[in-house]
N, C-alpha and C. Protein backbone atom coordinates (compact mmCIF):
# COMPACT_ATOMS: atom_id res chain seq x y z
N UNK A 1 133.57 106.84 55.15
CA UNK A 1 132.56 107.01 56.17
C UNK A 1 131.15 106.97 55.56
N UNK A 2 131.01 107.50 54.34
CA UNK A 2 129.67 107.61 53.78
C UNK A 2 129.08 106.27 53.39
N UNK A 3 129.94 105.31 53.04
CA UNK A 3 129.42 103.97 52.73
C UNK A 3 128.84 103.34 54.00
N UNK A 4 129.57 103.47 55.09
CA UNK A 4 129.08 102.93 56.36
C UNK A 4 127.81 103.65 56.80
N UNK A 5 127.79 104.96 56.63
CA UNK A 5 126.60 105.73 57.01
C UNK A 5 125.40 105.33 56.17
N UNK A 6 125.62 105.03 54.90
CA UNK A 6 124.50 104.62 54.03
C UNK A 6 123.94 103.27 54.47
N UNK A 7 124.80 102.35 54.82
CA UNK A 7 124.34 101.04 55.29
C UNK A 7 123.61 101.18 56.61
N UNK A 8 124.16 101.98 57.51
CA UNK A 8 123.50 102.21 58.80
C UNK A 8 122.17 102.94 58.61
N UNK A 9 122.10 103.82 57.64
CA UNK A 9 120.86 104.56 57.39
C UNK A 9 119.74 103.61 56.99
N UNK A 10 120.06 102.63 56.18
CA UNK A 10 119.04 101.66 55.78
C UNK A 10 118.48 100.94 57.01
N UNK A 11 119.34 100.56 57.92
CA UNK A 11 118.89 99.84 59.12
C UNK A 11 118.14 100.75 60.08
N UNK A 12 118.70 101.92 60.35
CA UNK A 12 118.09 102.84 61.32
C UNK A 12 116.77 103.38 60.79
N UNK A 13 116.73 103.70 59.51
CA UNK A 13 115.50 104.22 58.90
C UNK A 13 114.38 103.19 59.00
N UNK A 14 114.70 101.95 58.74
CA UNK A 14 113.68 100.90 58.81
C UNK A 14 113.15 100.73 60.22
N UNK A 15 114.03 100.79 61.19
CA UNK A 15 113.59 100.66 62.59
C UNK A 15 112.70 101.84 62.99
N UNK A 16 113.12 103.05 62.64
CA UNK A 16 112.31 104.23 62.97
C UNK A 16 110.94 104.18 62.31
N UNK A 17 110.90 103.79 61.05
CA UNK A 17 109.62 103.68 60.35
C UNK A 17 108.74 102.63 61.02
N UNK A 18 109.32 101.51 61.38
CA UNK A 18 108.56 100.45 62.02
C UNK A 18 108.00 100.86 63.36
N UNK A 19 108.79 101.58 64.13
CA UNK A 19 108.31 102.06 65.43
C UNK A 19 107.16 103.03 65.25
N UNK A 20 107.30 103.94 64.31
CA UNK A 20 106.23 104.92 64.08
C UNK A 20 104.96 104.26 63.57
N UNK A 21 105.09 103.29 62.69
CA UNK A 21 103.91 102.58 62.19
C UNK A 21 103.27 101.76 63.31
N UNK A 22 104.07 101.18 64.18
CA UNK A 22 103.52 100.42 65.31
C UNK A 22 102.75 101.34 66.25
N UNK A 23 103.26 102.53 66.47
CA UNK A 23 102.54 103.50 67.31
C UNK A 23 101.22 103.88 66.66
N UNK A 24 101.25 104.12 65.37
CA UNK A 24 100.02 104.49 64.65
C UNK A 24 99.02 103.34 64.69
N UNK A 25 99.50 102.13 64.48
CA UNK A 25 98.60 100.97 64.45
C UNK A 25 98.03 100.63 65.82
N UNK A 26 98.72 101.01 66.87
CA UNK A 26 98.26 100.65 68.20
C UNK A 26 97.27 101.66 68.79
N UNK A 27 97.13 102.80 68.14
CA UNK A 27 96.22 103.82 68.66
C UNK A 27 95.04 103.98 67.71
N UNK A 28 93.84 103.61 68.17
CA UNK A 28 92.67 103.68 67.29
C UNK A 28 92.39 105.09 66.76
N UNK A 29 92.68 106.10 67.54
CA UNK A 29 92.43 107.47 67.07
C UNK A 29 93.34 107.84 65.89
N UNK A 30 94.55 107.27 65.86
CA UNK A 30 95.45 107.53 64.75
C UNK A 30 95.15 106.65 63.54
N UNK A 31 94.56 105.49 63.77
CA UNK A 31 94.24 104.58 62.67
C UNK A 31 93.15 105.14 61.76
N UNK A 32 92.36 106.08 62.28
CA UNK A 32 91.33 106.68 61.44
C UNK A 32 91.93 107.43 60.25
N UNK A 33 93.10 108.00 60.44
CA UNK A 33 93.78 108.74 59.38
C UNK A 33 95.08 108.05 58.98
N UNK A 34 95.09 106.74 58.97
CA UNK A 34 96.31 105.98 58.69
C UNK A 34 96.83 106.24 57.28
N UNK A 35 95.95 106.56 56.36
CA UNK A 35 96.39 106.82 54.98
C UNK A 35 97.30 108.04 54.91
N UNK A 36 97.18 108.92 55.85
CA UNK A 36 98.03 110.11 55.90
C UNK A 36 99.24 109.87 56.80
N UNK A 37 99.00 109.26 57.95
CA UNK A 37 100.06 109.13 58.95
C UNK A 37 101.13 108.12 58.59
N UNK A 38 100.78 107.03 57.94
CA UNK A 38 101.79 106.01 57.64
C UNK A 38 102.79 106.51 56.59
N UNK A 39 102.36 107.14 55.49
CA UNK A 39 103.38 107.71 54.60
C UNK A 39 104.19 108.83 55.27
N UNK A 40 103.56 109.59 56.13
CA UNK A 40 104.29 110.63 56.86
C UNK A 40 105.33 110.01 57.78
N UNK A 41 105.00 108.88 58.39
CA UNK A 41 105.98 108.21 59.25
C UNK A 41 107.15 107.69 58.44
N UNK A 42 106.91 107.29 57.20
CA UNK A 42 108.01 106.85 56.34
C UNK A 42 108.95 108.00 56.03
N UNK A 43 108.40 109.15 55.75
CA UNK A 43 109.24 110.33 55.46
C UNK A 43 110.00 110.76 56.72
N UNK A 44 109.32 110.76 57.85
CA UNK A 44 109.97 111.14 59.11
C UNK A 44 111.09 110.17 59.45
N UNK A 45 110.84 108.88 59.28
CA UNK A 45 111.88 107.88 59.54
C UNK A 45 113.08 108.05 58.64
N UNK A 46 112.83 108.37 57.37
CA UNK A 46 113.92 108.60 56.43
C UNK A 46 114.75 109.80 56.84
N UNK A 47 114.09 110.89 57.17
CA UNK A 47 114.80 112.13 57.51
C UNK A 47 115.54 112.00 58.84
N UNK A 48 114.90 111.42 59.85
CA UNK A 48 115.55 111.28 61.15
C UNK A 48 116.67 110.24 61.13
N UNK A 49 116.63 109.34 60.18
CA UNK A 49 117.67 108.33 60.10
C UNK A 49 119.01 108.88 59.65
N UNK A 50 119.01 109.97 58.91
CA UNK A 50 120.27 110.52 58.37
C UNK A 50 121.22 110.99 59.49
N UNK A 51 120.81 111.88 60.39
CA UNK A 51 121.78 112.31 61.41
C UNK A 51 122.21 111.19 62.35
N UNK A 52 121.29 110.29 62.66
CA UNK A 52 121.66 109.17 63.53
C UNK A 52 122.70 108.28 62.86
N UNK A 53 122.53 108.01 61.58
CA UNK A 53 123.47 107.13 60.89
C UNK A 53 124.84 107.79 60.72
N UNK A 54 124.86 109.08 60.45
CA UNK A 54 126.15 109.78 60.31
C UNK A 54 126.87 109.80 61.65
N UNK A 55 126.15 110.11 62.71
CA UNK A 55 126.75 110.15 64.04
C UNK A 55 127.29 108.77 64.44
N UNK A 56 126.51 107.74 64.19
CA UNK A 56 126.94 106.40 64.54
C UNK A 56 128.13 105.95 63.69
N UNK A 57 128.14 106.29 62.42
CA UNK A 57 129.27 105.94 61.55
C UNK A 57 130.55 106.62 62.04
N UNK A 58 130.45 107.88 62.44
CA UNK A 58 131.62 108.58 62.96
C UNK A 58 132.14 107.92 64.23
N UNK A 59 131.23 107.53 65.11
CA UNK A 59 131.65 106.88 66.36
C UNK A 59 132.29 105.53 66.10
N UNK A 60 131.73 104.77 65.18
CA UNK A 60 132.30 103.46 64.86
C UNK A 60 133.70 103.61 64.26
N UNK A 61 133.86 104.54 63.33
CA UNK A 61 135.16 104.74 62.71
C UNK A 61 136.18 105.30 63.70
N UNK A 62 135.75 106.15 64.62
CA UNK A 62 136.66 106.68 65.63
C UNK A 62 137.14 105.58 66.56
N UNK A 63 136.28 104.65 66.89
CA UNK A 63 136.67 103.53 67.75
C UNK A 63 137.65 102.62 67.05
N UNK A 64 137.42 102.37 65.77
CA UNK A 64 138.29 101.46 65.04
C UNK A 64 139.66 102.06 64.77
N UNK A 65 139.73 103.37 64.59
CA UNK A 65 141.01 104.02 64.35
C UNK A 65 141.85 104.10 65.62
N UNK A 66 141.21 104.15 66.77
CA UNK A 66 141.92 104.23 68.03
C UNK A 66 142.47 102.90 68.49
N UNK A 67 141.99 101.82 67.94
CA UNK A 67 142.42 100.50 68.40
C UNK A 67 143.72 100.05 67.81
């Protein structure tokens, strides 16, 4: 399960980081402090990606075992 979760984490983390950076880039008030917010969005995307990837890996493996 952990191999699948690691692969999913790479994908989910990248999407979360991209969404957060897009939000920061689209708001002029946030762009003033982009040097702080963009690295913070990378850390947030990394951390939030872990539970999503583990949950998704469990669901994928449960579906495959039931078939």
